[in-house]
Amino acid sequence: MVLLRSSHRNGCTSVRKTWVVVPTCLPIVLRRCHACASGRFRVDGKFRVNANHKLLDAWLLACCTGCGDTTKLTVLERVNVRSVPPELLNRLHDNDSTLAAELLEDPALLRRNRVALDWGRAWRLDTGDKDHQEREVIDVLVRFAARIPVRPVRLIAEGCGLSRAEVERLIAVGKVVSAVRLTGKVSADFTFTLKR
């Protein structure tokens, strides 16, 4: 979506754009492997479900990128079978990769399993057309299709065709402004304005 508007101060036309940070695959799970020195596990959306009488356990399986050993991330632990929604149970049995993606976005699941995620190569930035790169002023809404922590400087550099050093310089001189802190990582929607 692109909107044109006129700046109040100098009469130049600004462009209002929407960019989207989109996952391209599941992130790497960071956890020490008990069989080798690797600390990276690949998730492909497979689950293991185990019932013991009326109690149910469910795990999301992850495979070590170094040795191929499998680790389990606890999804459900000793839960009464009747308390599990049938739709969730079906998705677990069907190895629903969308469910795996949803679970990996859950901070409680990550804390419970003492793991972190590496989104390094698991996302892309969709900016639409590149006609905004020549404009003097652009207003951008950055939306996140998933909870992916990314540095705003990286997004702005990639979306505007600038180096990160140049974006940092523009922030320092007040030519890139936002209501959020642009120096850390964000994983929620935010807006910024770039004035060249």
N, C-alpha and C. Protein backbone atom coordinates (compact mmCIF):
# COMPACT_ATOMS: atom_id res chain seq x y z
N MET A 1 0.84 -1.18 0.00
CA MET A 1 0.00 0.00 0.00
C MET A 1 0.89 1.25 0.00
N VAL A 2 0.61 2.16 -0.92
CA VAL A 2 1.41 3.38 -1.03
C VAL A 2 0.47 4.57 -1.00
N LEU A 3 0.75 5.54 -0.17
CA LEU A 3 -0.01 6.78 -0.12
C LEU A 3 0.95 7.94 -0.31
N LEU A 4 0.54 8.92 -1.08
CA LEU A 4 1.34 10.13 -1.25
C LEU A 4 0.74 11.21 -0.37
N ARG A 5 1.61 12.00 0.23
CA ARG A 5 1.11 13.15 0.99
C ARG A 5 2.10 14.28 0.89
N SER A 6 1.62 15.48 1.11
CA SER A 6 2.48 16.64 0.99
C SER A 6 3.01 17.03 2.35
N SER A 7 4.31 17.32 2.42
CA SER A 7 4.93 17.74 3.67
C SER A 7 4.51 19.17 3.97
N HIS A 8 4.26 19.48 5.25
CA HIS A 8 3.81 20.82 5.64
C HIS A 8 4.93 21.84 5.53
N ARG A 9 6.17 21.43 5.79
CA ARG A 9 7.26 22.39 5.88
C ARG A 9 7.80 22.82 4.53
N ASN A 10 8.16 21.87 3.69
CA ASN A 10 8.84 22.28 2.46
C ASN A 10 8.07 21.96 1.19
N GLY A 11 6.86 21.43 1.31
CA GLY A 11 6.04 21.19 0.13
C GLY A 11 6.45 19.98 -0.67
N CYS A 12 7.45 19.21 -0.24
CA CYS A 12 7.85 18.03 -0.99
C CYS A 12 6.85 16.90 -0.72
N THR A 13 6.80 15.98 -1.63
CA THR A 13 5.88 14.87 -1.51
C THR A 13 6.55 13.73 -0.79
N SER A 14 5.88 13.19 0.22
CA SER A 14 6.41 12.02 0.91
C SER A 14 5.60 10.80 0.47
N VAL A 15 6.19 9.65 0.64
CA VAL A 15 5.54 8.40 0.28
C VAL A 15 5.30 7.62 1.56
N ARG A 16 4.10 7.11 1.73
CA ARG A 16 3.79 6.26 2.88
C ARG A 16 3.75 4.82 2.38
N LYS A 17 4.61 3.98 2.93
CA LYS A 17 4.75 2.59 2.48
C LYS A 17 4.50 1.63 3.64
N THR A 18 4.15 0.40 3.27
CA THR A 18 4.06 -0.68 4.25
C THR A 18 5.03 -1.77 3.84
N TRP A 19 5.93 -2.11 4.76
CA TRP A 19 6.87 -3.21 4.56
C TRP A 19 6.44 -4.35 5.48
N VAL A 20 6.75 -5.57 5.06
CA VAL A 20 6.38 -6.72 5.88
C VAL A 20 7.59 -7.64 6.07
N VAL A 21 7.87 -7.98 7.33
CA VAL A 21 8.90 -8.96 7.65
C VAL A 21 8.20 -10.32 7.68
N VAL A 22 8.60 -11.20 6.75
CA VAL A 22 7.90 -12.46 6.52
C VAL A 22 8.84 -13.64 6.80
N PRO A 23 8.38 -14.63 7.58
CA PRO A 23 9.23 -15.81 7.76
C PRO A 23 9.30 -16.62 6.46
N THR A 24 10.47 -17.16 6.15
CA THR A 24 10.63 -18.00 4.96
C THR A 24 10.74 -19.47 5.33
N CYS A 25 11.09 -19.75 6.57
CA CYS A 25 11.16 -21.12 7.08
C CYS A 25 11.16 -21.04 8.60
N LEU A 26 11.18 -22.20 9.25
CA LEU A 26 11.24 -22.20 10.71
C LEU A 26 12.64 -21.82 11.17
N PRO A 27 12.75 -21.12 12.29
CA PRO A 27 14.07 -20.70 12.77
C PRO A 27 14.87 -21.88 13.32
N ILE A 28 16.16 -21.67 13.49
CA ILE A 28 17.05 -22.65 14.12
C ILE A 28 16.87 -22.54 15.64
N VAL A 29 16.77 -23.68 16.31
CA VAL A 29 16.67 -23.71 17.76
C VAL A 29 18.08 -23.79 18.33
N LEU A 30 18.40 -22.90 19.24
CA LEU A 30 19.71 -22.87 19.87
C LEU A 30 19.66 -23.60 21.20
N ARG A 31 20.34 -24.74 21.24
CA ARG A 31 20.41 -25.57 22.45
C ARG A 31 21.63 -26.47 22.31
N ARG A 32 22.33 -26.68 23.40
CA ARG A 32 23.52 -27.53 23.36
C ARG A 32 23.13 -28.98 23.08
N CYS A 33 23.85 -29.60 22.15
CA CYS A 33 23.61 -31.00 21.81
C CYS A 33 24.37 -31.89 22.80
N HIS A 34 23.71 -32.94 23.27
CA HIS A 34 24.34 -33.85 24.22
C HIS A 34 25.26 -34.86 23.53
N ALA A 35 25.15 -34.99 22.22
CA ALA A 35 25.95 -35.98 21.49
C ALA A 35 27.16 -35.39 20.78
N CYS A 36 27.13 -34.08 20.48
CA CYS A 36 28.27 -33.45 19.79
C CYS A 36 28.43 -32.01 20.29
N ALA A 37 29.32 -31.27 19.68
CA ALA A 37 29.60 -29.91 20.15
C ALA A 37 28.65 -28.87 19.55
N SER A 38 27.75 -29.28 18.68
CA SER A 38 26.85 -28.33 18.02
C SER A 38 25.86 -27.74 19.02
N GLY A 39 25.39 -26.59 18.71
CA GLY A 39 24.37 -25.95 19.54
C GLY A 39 23.18 -25.50 18.70
N ARG A 40 23.00 -26.14 17.53
CA ARG A 40 21.95 -25.71 16.60
C ARG A 40 21.09 -26.90 16.20
N PHE A 41 19.77 -26.70 16.29
CA PHE A 41 18.81 -27.76 15.92
C PHE A 41 17.83 -27.22 14.89
N ARG A 42 17.54 -28.06 13.91
CA ARG A 42 16.60 -27.72 12.84
C ARG A 42 15.25 -28.34 13.18
N VAL A 43 14.19 -27.56 13.06
CA VAL A 43 12.83 -28.03 13.30
C VAL A 43 12.14 -28.18 11.96
N ASP A 44 11.55 -29.35 11.72
CA ASP A 44 10.84 -29.54 10.46
C ASP A 44 9.34 -29.77 10.65
N GLY A 45 8.84 -29.51 11.85
CA GLY A 45 7.39 -29.57 12.08
C GLY A 45 6.88 -30.93 12.50
N LYS A 46 7.74 -31.81 12.97
CA LYS A 46 7.30 -33.13 13.42
C LYS A 46 7.09 -33.12 14.93
N PHE A 47 6.03 -33.83 15.36
CA PHE A 47 5.68 -33.92 16.77
C PHE A 47 5.70 -35.38 17.22
N ARG A 48 5.87 -35.58 18.50
CA ARG A 48 5.69 -36.90 19.10
C ARG A 48 4.66 -36.75 20.20
N VAL A 49 3.66 -37.62 20.19
CA VAL A 49 2.59 -37.59 21.18
C VAL A 49 2.60 -38.93 21.90
N ASN A 50 2.52 -38.90 23.23
CA ASN A 50 2.54 -40.12 24.02
C ASN A 50 1.43 -40.04 25.06
N ALA A 51 0.61 -41.07 25.10
CA ALA A 51 -0.47 -41.13 26.08
C ALA A 51 -0.16 -42.22 27.10
N ASN A 52 -0.32 -41.87 28.36
CA ASN A 52 -0.14 -42.83 29.45
C ASN A 52 -1.43 -42.81 30.26
N HIS A 53 -2.30 -43.75 29.97
CA HIS A 53 -3.65 -43.80 30.55
C HIS A 53 -4.39 -42.52 30.18
N LYS A 54 -4.73 -41.68 31.15
CA LYS A 54 -5.49 -40.46 30.86
C LYS A 54 -4.59 -39.24 30.72
N LEU A 55 -3.29 -39.42 30.82
CA LEU A 55 -2.35 -38.29 30.73
C LEU A 55 -1.65 -38.28 29.38
N LEU A 56 -1.41 -37.07 28.89
CA LEU A 56 -0.85 -36.91 27.56
C LEU A 56 0.41 -36.05 27.62
N ASP A 57 1.43 -36.46 26.87
CA ASP A 57 2.64 -35.66 26.67
C ASP A 57 2.78 -35.42 25.18
N ALA A 58 3.29 -34.23 24.81
CA ALA A 58 3.54 -33.93 23.40
C ALA A 58 4.82 -33.11 23.30
N TRP A 59 5.62 -33.44 22.28
CA TRP A 59 6.89 -32.75 22.07
C TRP A 59 7.02 -32.33 20.62
N LEU A 60 7.68 -31.22 20.40
CA LEU A 60 8.10 -30.79 19.07
C LEU A 60 9.52 -31.31 18.91
N LEU A 61 9.77 -32.05 17.81
CA LEU A 61 11.08 -32.66 17.60
C LEU A 61 12.00 -31.73 16.83
N ALA A 62 13.28 -31.74 17.21
CA ALA A 62 14.29 -30.93 16.53
C ALA A 62 15.52 -31.81 16.31
N CYS A 63 16.17 -31.64 15.16
CA CYS A 63 17.29 -32.47 14.75
C CYS A 63 18.58 -31.64 14.77
N CYS A 64 19.62 -32.17 15.43
CA CYS A 64 20.91 -31.48 15.52
C CYS A 64 21.50 -31.31 14.13
N THR A 65 21.96 -30.10 13.82
CA THR A 65 22.56 -29.85 12.51
C THR A 65 23.96 -30.44 12.40
N GLY A 66 24.56 -30.81 13.54
CA GLY A 66 25.90 -31.39 13.52
C GLY A 66 25.91 -32.90 13.37
N CYS A 67 25.16 -33.60 14.24
CA CYS A 67 25.23 -35.06 14.25
C CYS A 67 23.91 -35.75 13.89
N GLY A 68 22.83 -35.00 13.82
CA GLY A 68 21.54 -35.60 13.48
C GLY A 68 20.77 -36.13 14.67
N ASP A 69 21.30 -35.98 15.88
CA ASP A 69 20.61 -36.44 17.09
C ASP A 69 19.32 -35.63 17.26
N THR A 70 18.30 -36.25 17.84
CA THR A 70 17.01 -35.59 18.01
C THR A 70 16.84 -35.14 19.45
N THR A 71 16.28 -33.94 19.61
CA THR A 71 15.91 -33.45 20.93
C THR A 71 14.42 -33.15 20.91
N LYS A 72 13.80 -33.14 22.09
CA LYS A 72 12.37 -32.90 22.19
C LYS A 72 12.13 -31.59 22.95
N LEU A 73 11.26 -30.76 22.39
CA LEU A 73 10.82 -29.54 23.07
C LEU A 73 9.42 -29.82 23.62
N THR A 74 9.27 -29.71 24.92
CA THR A 74 7.99 -30.04 25.56
C THR A 74 6.91 -29.05 25.16
N VAL A 75 5.81 -29.59 24.63
CA VAL A 75 4.64 -28.79 24.29
C VAL A 75 3.56 -29.00 25.34
N LEU A 76 3.26 -30.27 25.65
CA LEU A 76 2.31 -30.63 26.70
C LEU A 76 2.99 -31.64 27.62
N GLU A 77 2.74 -31.50 28.94
CA GLU A 77 3.36 -32.41 29.88
C GLU A 77 2.34 -32.86 30.91
N ARG A 78 2.09 -34.15 30.92
CA ARG A 78 1.17 -34.76 31.89
C ARG A 78 -0.18 -34.03 31.94
N VAL A 79 -0.76 -33.80 30.79
CA VAL A 79 -2.03 -33.09 30.68
C VAL A 79 -3.14 -34.12 30.53
N ASN A 80 -4.26 -33.91 31.22
CA ASN A 80 -5.40 -34.80 31.07
C ASN A 80 -5.88 -34.75 29.62
N VAL A 81 -6.09 -35.91 29.03
CA VAL A 81 -6.47 -36.02 27.62
C VAL A 81 -7.74 -35.22 27.34
N ARG A 82 -8.69 -35.23 28.26
CA ARG A 82 -9.96 -34.52 28.04
C ARG A 82 -9.80 -33.00 28.01
N SER A 83 -8.70 -32.49 28.57
CA SER A 83 -8.50 -31.04 28.59
C SER A 83 -7.82 -30.53 27.31
N VAL A 84 -7.39 -31.44 26.44
CA VAL A 84 -6.74 -31.04 25.19
C VAL A 84 -7.80 -30.90 24.10
N PRO A 85 -7.91 -29.72 23.49
CA PRO A 85 -8.90 -29.55 22.41
C PRO A 85 -8.64 -30.55 21.28
N PRO A 86 -9.69 -31.20 20.76
CA PRO A 86 -9.51 -32.18 19.69
C PRO A 86 -8.78 -31.62 18.47
N GLU A 87 -9.02 -30.35 18.15
CA GLU A 87 -8.35 -29.73 17.00
C GLU A 87 -6.83 -29.69 17.21
N LEU A 88 -6.40 -29.35 18.44
CA LEU A 88 -4.97 -29.32 18.74
C LEU A 88 -4.37 -30.72 18.65
N LEU A 89 -5.08 -31.71 19.17
CA LEU A 89 -4.60 -33.08 19.13
C LEU A 89 -4.45 -33.56 17.68
N ASN A 90 -5.42 -33.21 16.84
CA ASN A 90 -5.34 -33.57 15.42
C ASN A 90 -4.13 -32.90 14.75
N ARG A 91 -3.89 -31.64 15.06
CA ARG A 91 -2.75 -30.94 14.47
C ARG A 91 -1.43 -31.55 14.93
N LEU A 92 -1.35 -31.98 16.17
CA LEU A 92 -0.15 -32.65 16.67
C LEU A 92 0.07 -33.97 15.93
N HIS A 93 -0.99 -34.76 15.80
CA HIS A 93 -0.89 -36.06 15.10
C HIS A 93 -0.57 -35.88 13.62
N ASP A 94 -1.02 -34.78 13.02
CA ASP A 94 -0.80 -34.53 11.58
C ASP A 94 0.54 -33.86 11.30
N ASN A 95 1.35 -33.63 12.34
CA ASN A 95 2.64 -32.94 12.17
C ASN A 95 2.47 -31.61 11.43
N ASP A 96 1.57 -30.79 11.93
CA ASP A 96 1.21 -29.51 11.32
C ASP A 96 2.37 -28.52 11.47
N SER A 97 3.03 -28.17 10.35
CA SER A 97 4.17 -27.24 10.42
C SER A 97 3.73 -25.83 10.82
N THR A 98 2.48 -25.47 10.53
CA THR A 98 1.97 -24.17 10.98
C THR A 98 1.89 -24.12 12.50
N LEU A 99 1.49 -25.23 13.10
CA LEU A 99 1.45 -25.32 14.56
C LEU A 99 2.86 -25.19 15.13
N ALA A 100 3.83 -25.84 14.48
CA ALA A 100 5.22 -25.72 14.93
C ALA A 100 5.66 -24.26 14.92
N ALA A 101 5.33 -23.53 13.86
CA ALA A 101 5.69 -22.11 13.77
C ALA A 101 5.01 -21.31 14.88
N GLU A 102 3.74 -21.59 15.14
CA GLU A 102 3.01 -20.89 16.20
C GLU A 102 3.65 -21.16 17.57
N LEU A 103 4.03 -22.41 17.82
CA LEU A 103 4.61 -22.77 19.10
C LEU A 103 5.97 -22.12 19.30
N LEU A 104 6.77 -22.03 18.23
CA LEU A 104 8.09 -21.41 18.35
C LEU A 104 8.01 -19.91 18.61
N GLU A 105 6.85 -19.31 18.38
CA GLU A 105 6.65 -17.89 18.70
C GLU A 105 6.22 -17.67 20.14
N ASP A 106 5.94 -18.75 20.86
CA ASP A 106 5.44 -18.66 22.22
C ASP A 106 6.61 -18.52 23.21
N PRO A 107 6.76 -17.35 23.83
CA PRO A 107 7.87 -17.15 24.78
C PRO A 107 7.84 -18.15 25.94
N ALA A 108 6.64 -18.57 26.38
CA ALA A 108 6.54 -19.52 27.49
C ALA A 108 7.14 -20.86 27.11
N LEU A 109 6.90 -21.32 25.90
CA LEU A 109 7.46 -22.59 25.43
C LEU A 109 8.99 -22.50 25.36
N LEU A 110 9.51 -21.37 24.88
CA LEU A 110 10.95 -21.20 24.79
C LEU A 110 11.60 -21.18 26.17
N ARG A 111 10.95 -20.49 27.13
CA ARG A 111 11.47 -20.44 28.50
C ARG A 111 11.43 -21.82 29.15
N ARG A 112 10.30 -22.50 29.00
CA ARG A 112 10.13 -23.82 29.63
C ARG A 112 11.19 -24.82 29.14
N ASN A 113 11.55 -24.70 27.86
CA ASN A 113 12.52 -25.63 27.28
C ASN A 113 13.95 -25.09 27.30
N ARG A 114 14.13 -23.88 27.82
CA ARG A 114 15.45 -23.23 27.93
C ARG A 114 16.17 -23.18 26.58
N VAL A 115 15.46 -22.66 25.59
CA VAL A 115 16.06 -22.54 24.26
C VAL A 115 15.87 -21.11 23.75
N ALA A 116 16.67 -20.76 22.77
CA ALA A 116 16.53 -19.49 22.05
C ALA A 116 16.41 -19.83 20.57
N LEU A 117 16.06 -18.82 19.77
CA LEU A 117 15.89 -19.03 18.33
C LEU A 117 16.88 -18.17 17.55
N ASP A 118 17.34 -18.70 16.44
CA ASP A 118 18.17 -17.94 15.51
C ASP A 118 17.35 -17.77 14.23
N TRP A 119 16.90 -16.53 14.00
CA TRP A 119 16.09 -16.20 12.82
C TRP A 119 16.96 -15.73 11.67
N GLY A 120 18.27 -15.79 11.80
CA GLY A 120 19.21 -15.21 10.84
C GLY A 120 18.85 -15.35 9.38
N ARG A 121 18.58 -16.55 8.90
CA ARG A 121 18.28 -16.77 7.48
C ARG A 121 16.86 -17.28 7.27
N ALA A 122 15.98 -17.00 8.20
CA ALA A 122 14.63 -17.56 8.14
C ALA A 122 13.56 -16.51 7.85
N TRP A 123 13.95 -15.32 7.35
CA TRP A 123 12.97 -14.29 7.05
C TRP A 123 13.42 -13.46 5.86
N ARG A 124 12.48 -12.69 5.32
CA ARG A 124 12.79 -11.73 4.25
C ARG A 124 11.95 -10.48 4.49
N LEU A 125 12.39 -9.38 3.87
CA LEU A 125 11.67 -8.11 3.97
C LEU A 125 10.99 -7.85 2.64
N ASP A 126 9.65 -7.77 2.64
CA ASP A 126 8.89 -7.42 1.45
C ASP A 126 8.58 -5.92 1.49
N THR A 127 9.16 -5.19 0.55
CA THR A 127 8.97 -3.73 0.52
C THR A 127 8.07 -3.29 -0.64
N GLY A 128 7.63 -4.24 -1.45
CA GLY A 128 6.88 -3.86 -2.64
C GLY A 128 7.83 -3.30 -3.67
N ASP A 129 7.39 -2.33 -4.43
CA ASP A 129 8.27 -1.73 -5.44
C ASP A 129 9.33 -0.85 -4.79
N LYS A 130 10.33 -0.50 -5.54
CA LYS A 130 11.46 0.27 -5.00
C LYS A 130 11.38 1.76 -5.36
N ASP A 131 10.21 2.25 -5.79
CA ASP A 131 10.09 3.65 -6.21
C ASP A 131 10.34 4.64 -5.07
N HIS A 132 10.26 4.17 -3.83
CA HIS A 132 10.46 5.05 -2.68
C HIS A 132 11.93 5.40 -2.45
N GLN A 133 12.85 4.65 -3.05
CA GLN A 133 14.26 4.85 -2.76
C GLN A 133 14.78 6.21 -3.25
N GLU A 134 14.10 6.82 -4.20
CA GLU A 134 14.54 8.12 -4.72
C GLU A 134 13.80 9.30 -4.08
N ARG A 135 12.80 9.04 -3.27
CA ARG A 135 12.01 10.10 -2.64
C ARG A 135 12.78 10.80 -1.54
N GLU A 136 12.46 12.08 -1.33
CA GLU A 136 13.11 12.84 -0.27
C GLU A 136 12.61 12.44 1.11
N VAL A 137 11.32 12.15 1.22
CA VAL A 137 10.72 11.78 2.50
C VAL A 137 9.87 10.53 2.30
N ILE A 138 10.09 9.53 3.16
CA ILE A 138 9.21 8.37 3.15
C ILE A 138 8.77 8.07 4.57
N ASP A 139 7.50 7.71 4.71
CA ASP A 139 6.93 7.24 5.97
C ASP A 139 6.66 5.76 5.78
N VAL A 140 7.20 4.94 6.69
CA VAL A 140 7.08 3.49 6.53
C VAL A 140 6.45 2.86 7.77
N LEU A 141 5.49 1.99 7.53
CA LEU A 141 4.95 1.12 8.57
C LEU A 141 5.57 -0.25 8.33
N VAL A 142 6.30 -0.76 9.31
CA VAL A 142 6.91 -2.08 9.22
C VAL A 142 6.03 -3.04 10.01
N ARG A 143 5.50 -4.05 9.33
CA ARG A 143 4.65 -5.06 9.97
C ARG A 143 5.43 -6.36 10.09
N PHE A 144 5.14 -7.13 11.12
CA PHE A 144 5.78 -8.42 11.33
C PHE A 144 4.74 -9.52 11.19
N ALA A 145 4.94 -10.43 10.24
CA ALA A 145 4.03 -11.54 10.05
C ALA A 145 4.25 -12.61 11.12
N ALA A 146 5.38 -12.56 11.80
CA ALA A 146 5.70 -13.46 12.92
C ALA A 146 6.58 -12.69 13.89
N ARG A 147 6.72 -13.22 15.10
CA ARG A 147 7.53 -12.55 16.12
C ARG A 147 9.02 -12.81 15.84
N ILE A 148 9.59 -12.03 14.92
CA ILE A 148 10.97 -12.21 14.47
C ILE A 148 11.79 -11.01 14.97
N PRO A 149 12.72 -11.20 15.89
CA PRO A 149 13.51 -10.07 16.38
C PRO A 149 14.56 -9.64 15.35
N VAL A 150 14.44 -8.39 14.89
CA VAL A 150 15.34 -7.85 13.87
C VAL A 150 15.73 -6.43 14.27
N ARG A 151 16.94 -6.05 13.94
CA ARG A 151 17.38 -4.67 14.19
C ARG A 151 16.74 -3.74 13.17
N PRO A 152 16.07 -2.67 13.62
CA PRO A 152 15.47 -1.72 12.68
C PRO A 152 16.49 -1.14 11.71
N VAL A 153 17.73 -0.93 12.17
CA VAL A 153 18.77 -0.39 11.28
C VAL A 153 18.95 -1.30 10.07
N ARG A 154 18.94 -2.61 10.31
CA ARG A 154 19.09 -3.57 9.21
C ARG A 154 17.91 -3.49 8.24
N LEU A 155 16.69 -3.40 8.79
CA LEU A 155 15.51 -3.31 7.94
C LEU A 155 15.52 -2.05 7.10
N ILE A 156 15.85 -0.92 7.73
CA ILE A 156 15.87 0.36 7.01
C ILE A 156 16.94 0.34 5.94
N ALA A 157 18.11 -0.19 6.27
CA ALA A 157 19.20 -0.27 5.29
C ALA A 157 18.79 -1.11 4.09
N GLU A 158 18.24 -2.30 4.37
CA GLU A 158 17.84 -3.20 3.29
C GLU A 158 16.70 -2.61 2.46
N GLY A 159 15.70 -2.05 3.13
CA GLY A 159 14.54 -1.52 2.43
C GLY A 159 14.81 -0.27 1.62
N CYS A 160 15.76 0.53 2.08
CA CYS A 160 16.06 1.80 1.39
C CYS A 160 17.30 1.73 0.52
N GLY A 161 17.96 0.58 0.48
CA GLY A 161 19.16 0.44 -0.35
C GLY A 161 20.34 1.24 0.17
N LEU A 162 20.47 1.32 1.49
CA LEU A 162 21.56 2.08 2.13
C LEU A 162 22.44 1.12 2.93
N SER A 163 23.62 1.56 3.30
CA SER A 163 24.46 0.77 4.19
C SER A 163 23.97 0.99 5.62
N ARG A 164 24.29 0.06 6.49
CA ARG A 164 23.90 0.22 7.90
C ARG A 164 24.59 1.43 8.52
N ALA A 165 25.84 1.67 8.12
CA ALA A 165 26.56 2.83 8.65
C ALA A 165 25.86 4.13 8.25
N GLU A 166 25.36 4.18 7.03
CA GLU A 166 24.65 5.38 6.57
C GLU A 166 23.34 5.57 7.34
N VAL A 167 22.62 4.47 7.59
CA VAL A 167 21.37 4.56 8.37
C VAL A 167 21.69 5.04 9.79
N GLU A 168 22.73 4.50 10.41
CA GLU A 168 23.12 4.95 11.75
C GLU A 168 23.48 6.42 11.76
N ARG A 169 24.14 6.91 10.70
CA ARG A 169 24.48 8.33 10.60
C ARG A 169 23.21 9.16 10.49
N LEU A 170 22.24 8.71 9.65
CA LEU A 170 20.98 9.43 9.48
C LEU A 170 20.19 9.47 10.79
N ILE A 171 20.24 8.40 11.56
CA ILE A 171 19.57 8.39 12.87
C ILE A 171 20.23 9.41 13.79
N ALA A 172 21.56 9.42 13.80
CA ALA A 172 22.31 10.33 14.68
C ALA A 172 22.02 11.80 14.38
N VAL A 173 21.81 12.15 13.10
CA VAL A 173 21.55 13.55 12.74
C VAL A 173 20.05 13.87 12.68
N GLY A 174 19.20 12.91 13.06
CA GLY A 174 17.76 13.16 13.14
C GLY A 174 17.01 13.07 11.82
N LYS A 175 17.61 12.42 10.83
CA LYS A 175 16.92 12.28 9.54
C LYS A 175 16.13 10.98 9.44
N VAL A 176 16.33 10.07 10.39
CA VAL A 176 15.48 8.89 10.53
C VAL A 176 14.92 8.95 11.94
N VAL A 177 13.60 9.05 12.04
CA VAL A 177 12.95 9.19 13.35
C VAL A 177 11.86 8.14 13.50
N SER A 178 11.66 7.72 14.75
CA SER A 178 10.64 6.73 15.05
C SER A 178 10.25 6.86 16.51
N ALA A 179 9.07 6.36 16.84
CA ALA A 179 8.62 6.34 18.23
C ALA A 179 9.28 5.20 19.00
N VAL A 180 9.85 4.21 18.28
CA VAL A 180 10.56 3.11 18.94
C VAL A 180 12.06 3.36 18.88
N ARG A 181 12.79 2.72 19.80
CA ARG A 181 14.24 2.82 19.80
C ARG A 181 14.78 2.06 18.60
N LEU A 182 15.55 2.70 17.76
CA LEU A 182 16.03 2.09 16.52
C LEU A 182 17.37 1.37 16.69
N THR A 183 17.94 1.39 17.89
CA THR A 183 19.26 0.81 18.07
C THR A 183 19.23 -0.64 18.58
N GLY A 184 18.11 -1.12 19.08
CA GLY A 184 18.03 -2.49 19.57
C GLY A 184 17.36 -3.38 18.55
N LYS A 185 16.71 -4.43 19.04
CA LYS A 185 15.92 -5.32 18.17
C LYS A 185 14.45 -5.11 18.46
N VAL A 186 13.63 -5.27 17.44
CA VAL A 186 12.18 -5.18 17.59
C VAL A 186 11.57 -6.42 16.94
N SER A 187 10.37 -6.78 17.41
CA SER A 187 9.65 -7.88 16.80
C SER A 187 8.16 -7.55 16.67
N ALA A 188 7.84 -6.29 16.89
CA ALA A 188 6.46 -5.82 16.77
C ALA A 188 6.41 -4.67 15.77
N ASP A 189 5.22 -4.44 15.21
CA ASP A 189 5.04 -3.40 14.20
C ASP A 189 5.55 -2.05 14.72
N PHE A 190 6.15 -1.27 13.81
CA PHE A 190 6.59 0.08 14.16
C PHE A 190 6.60 0.93 12.90
N THR A 191 6.70 2.25 13.10
CA THR A 191 6.77 3.18 11.97
C THR A 191 8.04 3.99 12.09
N PHE A 192 8.50 4.49 10.95
CA PHE A 192 9.64 5.42 10.94
C PHE A 192 9.49 6.36 9.75
N THR A 193 10.16 7.50 9.85
CA THR A 193 10.20 8.47 8.76
C THR A 193 11.66 8.70 8.40
N LEU A 194 11.94 8.68 7.09
CA LEU A 194 13.28 8.96 6.58
C LEU A 194 13.23 10.22 5.75
N LYS A 195 14.10 11.18 6.09
CA LYS A 195 14.21 12.44 5.34
C LYS A 195 15.62 12.50 4.77
N ARG A 196 15.74 12.61 3.48
CA ARG A 196 17.07 12.64 2.86
C ARG A 196 17.59 14.06 2.78
